[in-house]
Structures are given as C-alpha cells and as structure tokens.
Protein backbone atom coordinates (compact mmCIF):
# COMPACT_ATOMS: atom_id res chain seq x y z
CA MET A 1 -4.21 46.67 -67.20
CA ASP A 2 -8.24 47.38 -67.24
CA ILE A 3 -9.29 45.48 -64.84
CA GLU A 4 -11.99 47.40 -63.55
CA ASN A 5 -13.76 46.86 -67.09
CA ALA A 6 -13.31 43.16 -67.26
CA LEU A 7 -14.90 42.97 -63.59
CA LYS A 8 -17.85 44.12 -65.32
CA ILE A 9 -18.16 41.87 -68.53
CA GLY A 10 -20.56 39.64 -66.47
CA LYS A 11 -23.06 41.51 -65.84
CA ARG A 12 -22.97 43.42 -69.05
CA PHE A 13 -23.78 39.76 -70.73
CA LEU A 14 -26.34 39.16 -68.12
CA LYS A 15 -28.02 42.31 -68.00
CA GLU A 16 -27.93 42.18 -72.27
CA LEU A 17 -29.37 39.02 -72.42
CA ASP A 18 -32.07 40.13 -70.28
CA GLY A 19 -32.92 43.10 -72.07
CA PHE A 20 -33.38 40.58 -74.55
CA LEU A 21 -35.92 38.69 -73.22
CA ALA A 22 -38.03 41.61 -71.54
CA ALA A 23 -38.16 43.08 -74.80
CA ASN A 24 -38.85 39.61 -76.89
CA TYR A 25 -40.53 37.31 -74.53
CA PRO A 26 -44.44 36.78 -75.93
CA ILE A 27 -43.16 36.15 -79.27
CA LEU A 28 -39.83 34.03 -78.36
CA LYS A 29 -40.75 30.26 -79.51
CA CYS A 30 -39.30 27.47 -77.19
CA ARG A 31 -37.01 26.31 -80.37
CA ASP A 32 -35.30 30.29 -80.11
CA ILE A 33 -34.81 29.63 -76.84
CA HIS A 34 -33.39 26.21 -77.31
CA GLN A 35 -31.26 27.96 -79.93
CA ILE A 36 -30.13 30.46 -77.91
CA TYR A 37 -28.41 28.16 -74.98
CA PHE A 38 -27.08 25.72 -77.46
CA THR A 39 -25.31 28.37 -79.16
CA PHE A 40 -23.49 29.73 -75.67
CA TRP A 41 -22.78 25.96 -75.55
CA ASN A 42 -21.21 25.57 -78.98
CA ASP A 43 -19.37 28.92 -78.49
CA LEU A 44 -17.53 27.47 -75.13
CA LYS A 45 -16.36 24.57 -77.38
CA CYS A 46 -14.69 26.91 -79.24
CA PHE A 47 -12.60 28.65 -76.93
CA LYS A 48 -11.62 25.59 -74.03
CA GLY A 49 -12.36 22.43 -76.35
CA ASN A 50 -16.00 21.49 -74.36
CA SER A 51 -18.57 22.45 -72.33
CA ASN A 52 -18.24 20.87 -69.20
CA GLY A 53 -18.93 23.18 -66.23
CA PHE A 54 -21.44 25.17 -68.26
CA THR A 55 -24.20 25.52 -65.85
CA GLY A 56 -26.71 27.89 -64.92
CA LEU A 57 -27.41 29.72 -68.42
CA SER A 58 -30.41 26.90 -68.71
CA GLU A 59 -32.38 27.76 -65.52
CA TYR A 60 -31.27 32.05 -66.01
CA LEU A 61 -33.05 31.72 -69.18
CA ILE A 62 -36.06 30.33 -68.17
CA PHE A 63 -36.04 32.57 -64.88
CA ARG A 64 -36.01 35.27 -66.18
CA PHE A 65 -38.29 34.77 -69.29
CA LEU A 66 -40.98 33.90 -66.42
CA TYR A 67 -40.06 37.22 -64.57
CA HIS A 68 -40.95 38.87 -67.54
CA GLN A 69 -43.69 37.44 -68.32
CA LEU A 70 -45.41 37.86 -64.89
CA GLY A 71 -45.00 41.78 -65.48
CA ASP A 72 -41.44 42.81 -64.35
CA SER A 73 -41.63 45.03 -60.91
CA PHE A 74 -40.82 42.11 -58.79
CA LYS A 75 -38.31 43.54 -55.82
CA ALA A 76 -35.27 41.65 -54.78
CA GLU A 77 -35.10 40.57 -51.28
CA GLU A 78 -32.67 38.66 -48.98
CA PHE A 79 -33.99 35.32 -48.30
CA THR A 80 -30.88 33.81 -46.55
CA HIS A 81 -27.35 35.27 -46.36
CA ASP A 82 -26.12 33.91 -49.90
CA THR A 83 -29.87 33.64 -51.83
CA LYS A 84 -32.78 36.34 -52.94
CA GLU A 85 -35.84 36.21 -53.65
CA PHE A 86 -38.28 38.19 -55.91
CA VAL A 87 -41.51 39.48 -54.37
CA ARG A 88 -43.69 41.60 -55.69
CA ASN A 89 -47.54 41.57 -53.44
CA ASP A 90 -48.17 38.62 -52.78
CA LEU A 91 -46.24 36.77 -55.46
CA ARG A 92 -42.99 35.54 -54.92
CA LEU A 93 -40.07 33.93 -57.11
CA ARG A 94 -37.29 31.59 -55.91
CA GLN A 95 -34.63 29.98 -58.22
CA SER A 96 -32.70 26.88 -56.43
CA ILE A 97 -33.61 27.44 -53.39
CA ALA A 98 -34.64 24.78 -50.07
CA VAL A 99 -38.20 23.56 -49.59
CA ARG A 100 -38.80 20.96 -46.62
CA VAL A 101 -40.88 18.20 -47.37
CA ASN A 102 -41.04 16.62 -43.32
CA GLU A 103 -37.27 15.76 -42.72
CA ASN A 104 -36.20 15.93 -46.59
CA ARG A 105 -35.02 19.06 -48.31
CA TYR A 106 -35.53 19.78 -52.29
CA PHE A 107 -34.21 22.25 -54.16
CA PRO A 108 -36.15 22.85 -57.47
CA ASP A 109 -34.80 24.88 -59.97
CA ILE A 110 -38.06 27.38 -59.88
CA THR A 111 -40.81 27.56 -57.31
CA ILE A 112 -43.18 30.11 -57.28
CA TYR A 113 -45.51 31.18 -53.74
CA LYS A 114 -48.55 33.16 -53.81
CA GLY A 115 -50.19 34.57 -50.76
CA ASP A 116 -48.88 32.93 -47.76
CA LYS A 117 -45.41 33.06 -47.93
CA ASP A 118 -44.99 29.34 -47.70
CA ASN A 119 -47.98 28.52 -50.31
CA LEU A 120 -46.24 26.82 -52.98
CA ILE A 121 -48.31 26.53 -56.07
CA ALA A 122 -46.13 25.80 -58.92
CA VAL A 123 -42.80 23.90 -59.38
CA ILE A 124 -40.59 24.13 -62.46
CA GLN A 125 -37.29 21.52 -62.93
CA ILE A 126 -35.66 22.35 -66.14
CA LYS A 127 -33.01 19.38 -67.46
CA VAL A 128 -30.79 19.85 -70.61
CA TYR A 129 -30.77 16.47 -71.78
CA LEU A 130 -32.44 13.46 -69.78
CA THR A 131 -29.15 11.87 -69.15
CA HIS A 132 -30.29 8.62 -67.47
CA THR A 133 -33.48 8.62 -69.46
CA MET A 134 -36.51 6.73 -67.86
CA LYS A 135 -34.65 6.66 -64.39
CA GLU A 136 -34.71 10.35 -64.43
CA VAL A 137 -38.09 10.96 -65.36
CA GLN A 138 -39.16 8.52 -62.66
CA LYS A 139 -36.70 10.40 -60.03
CA GLU A 140 -38.32 14.22 -61.29
CA MET A 141 -42.12 13.20 -60.76
CA GLU A 142 -40.82 11.77 -57.58
CA THR A 143 -39.62 15.10 -56.51
CA PHE A 144 -42.98 16.53 -57.89
CA ARG A 145 -45.00 14.18 -55.83
CA SER A 146 -43.02 15.06 -52.68
CA LEU A 147 -43.40 18.61 -52.98
CA ARG A 148 -47.12 18.60 -54.07
CA LYS A 149 -47.68 17.13 -50.68
CA ILE A 150 -47.22 20.56 -48.92
CA ALA A 151 -48.27 22.73 -51.91
CA SER A 152 -51.35 24.19 -52.75
CA ARG A 153 -54.62 22.55 -53.79
CA ASN A 154 -54.04 24.25 -57.11
CA PHE A 155 -50.19 23.03 -57.69
CA ARG A 156 -48.87 22.63 -60.65
CA ALA A 157 -45.40 21.33 -61.93
CA LEU A 158 -43.49 21.61 -65.50
CA LEU A 159 -40.37 19.73 -66.70
CA ILE A 160 -38.92 21.62 -69.33
CA ILE A 161 -36.32 19.42 -71.57
CA TYR A 162 -34.26 21.23 -73.90
CA GLN A 163 -33.03 18.72 -76.19
CA THR A 164 -35.37 16.45 -77.65
CA PRO A 165 -35.36 12.80 -75.75
CA GLY A 166 -33.75 9.89 -77.92
CA ARG A 167 -35.83 7.15 -77.00
CA GLY A 168 -39.44 6.65 -77.71
CA LYS A 169 -39.90 5.09 -74.23
CA VAL A 170 -39.13 8.38 -72.75
CA MET A 171 -41.91 10.23 -75.01
CA GLN A 172 -44.02 7.10 -73.79
CA GLU A 173 -43.65 7.60 -70.22
CA LEU A 174 -43.20 11.37 -70.07
CA ASN A 175 -47.58 11.22 -71.90
CA LYS A 176 -48.01 8.35 -69.51
CA GLN A 177 -47.14 10.53 -66.78
CA LYS A 178 -49.20 13.45 -67.84
CA ASP A 179 -51.78 11.74 -68.47
CA GLU A 180 -52.13 10.25 -65.03
CA ASN A 181 -51.46 13.61 -63.34
CA ALA A 182 -53.55 16.23 -64.19
CA TRP A 183 -51.22 18.36 -61.99
CA PHE A 184 -48.20 17.57 -64.34
CA ASP A 185 -47.21 18.67 -67.91
CA PHE A 186 -43.73 18.83 -69.91
CA LEU A 187 -42.13 20.94 -72.62
CA ILE A 188 -39.26 19.99 -74.82
CA LEU A 189 -37.61 23.47 -76.18
CA GLY A 190 -35.71 21.71 -79.78
CA LYS A 191 -37.58 21.89 -82.39
CA ASN A 192 -40.66 23.52 -80.97
CA ASP A 193 -42.58 26.42 -82.56
CA GLU A 194 -44.97 26.87 -79.54
CA LEU A 195 -44.81 30.56 -77.91
CA LEU A 196 -43.02 29.75 -74.82
CA ALA A 197 -44.86 32.42 -73.02
CA GLN A 198 -48.39 30.30 -73.87
CA LYS A 199 -47.28 27.01 -72.67
CA LEU A 200 -45.96 28.60 -69.69
CA ARG A 201 -49.30 30.08 -68.94
CA THR A 202 -51.17 27.32 -69.87
CA SER A 203 -49.08 24.51 -68.23
CA LEU A 204 -48.74 26.95 -64.57
CA LEU A 205 -51.88 28.69 -64.76
CA LEU A 206 -50.45 31.66 -65.00
CA ASP A 207 -53.29 33.95 -65.75
CA ARG A 208 -54.05 33.52 -61.60
CA LEU A 209 -51.03 35.26 -60.99
CA VAL A 210 -51.44 38.48 -62.92
C-alpha cells in the first residue's frame, strides 16, 4: 500500500490547477472559470451521487487567479495559528480571515489591504448560486456596507456569482445596487465571454496595486 503517494494527491491537484491559472490567466474568460468549477462539480456527482460538501474550489479559483494577476511573488506569512496571509511589500491578500467592525466580525471570501496592515481597500464575495435570491443580495450588500465603514476612502466591493440568477428581479436588484453605489460591482461568470482579468482590473481598480 503506497500511502505516501496517496497523501500527495491533493497537493498535486492544487499545484496543477494553480499552474494552469498562472500560465493562462490573461486569456481566461469568465465562462472558463465557470466551466472548470462545474466540471469538477459534475465529476463529483459521478463518484458519490451528489456534490454535497464540495466547498472551497470556487474561492480557490478566484483567489489564485487574482494572486497571479497581481504579479505572484507574494510570501505566505502566518496570520493566526491556522491561517496565513500573502504579503508583497505593502500589499496583503487574505482569504476568509475575520474583519472586525465594532463588535461584529465578518469573514469575507477575499480581502485586499494596501499600506497600513488594517487599510482595507477591496473585498470580494463569491457565490456559486444565489440560493435565497433577493434576500441574499441584500445580505451581501449589508456586509459590504459594514466593511466599508472601516475601509479606505477608495474602497471597492465585488460580488462574483458563478451561476446566472434565474429571476429577472435579482438582476434588477443587482443593477440597482451598482447604480446607487459607485464602489460596488457584480460579476456573473456563466455564459460570460469577458476576460476575467479585465473585469477584475476595472471592478477593483487593480492598476493602483501593481
């Protein structure tokens, strides 16, 4: 029994996928990331009949894509005993690490800090589906508004949704929030031929970071 080889399978999978993102991020379209995720999602159903418990990959794809788009060369540094942040000069990337706003704590999917270690400049929330439709949009906007209170003056927030919302009212609400809040944008990956790198660049004002 080659247990040592089995223990390395997970790391090989993550490294191979990360290498693909590193080599191709400038030309990957939004729908490509959507297809990668849902191909694994469907493969999982073939092995166990459903995709329950399949968490983490949707965030991994976006985080590592952004990591490479911002120029690699980040150093992983311990943030707590079981979390790390990625640091390059005065730029910090964090994934699902708590942000305190007064007495409340939030765990955004991705946060970007620049300058002072607590100078929050951008937040990304990632949803595969909007399972509760309108209520979920409103909940995410409440989170963004709370985080904005302690963030930089040039704060940006981006809601990434893998699967196209099925109801017209949801799209209307998303567009309404975008129109009313200059710091907010949303991105739907499915059936979207936009380059993901370009969308992230404009939505998060990434040119100020590289």
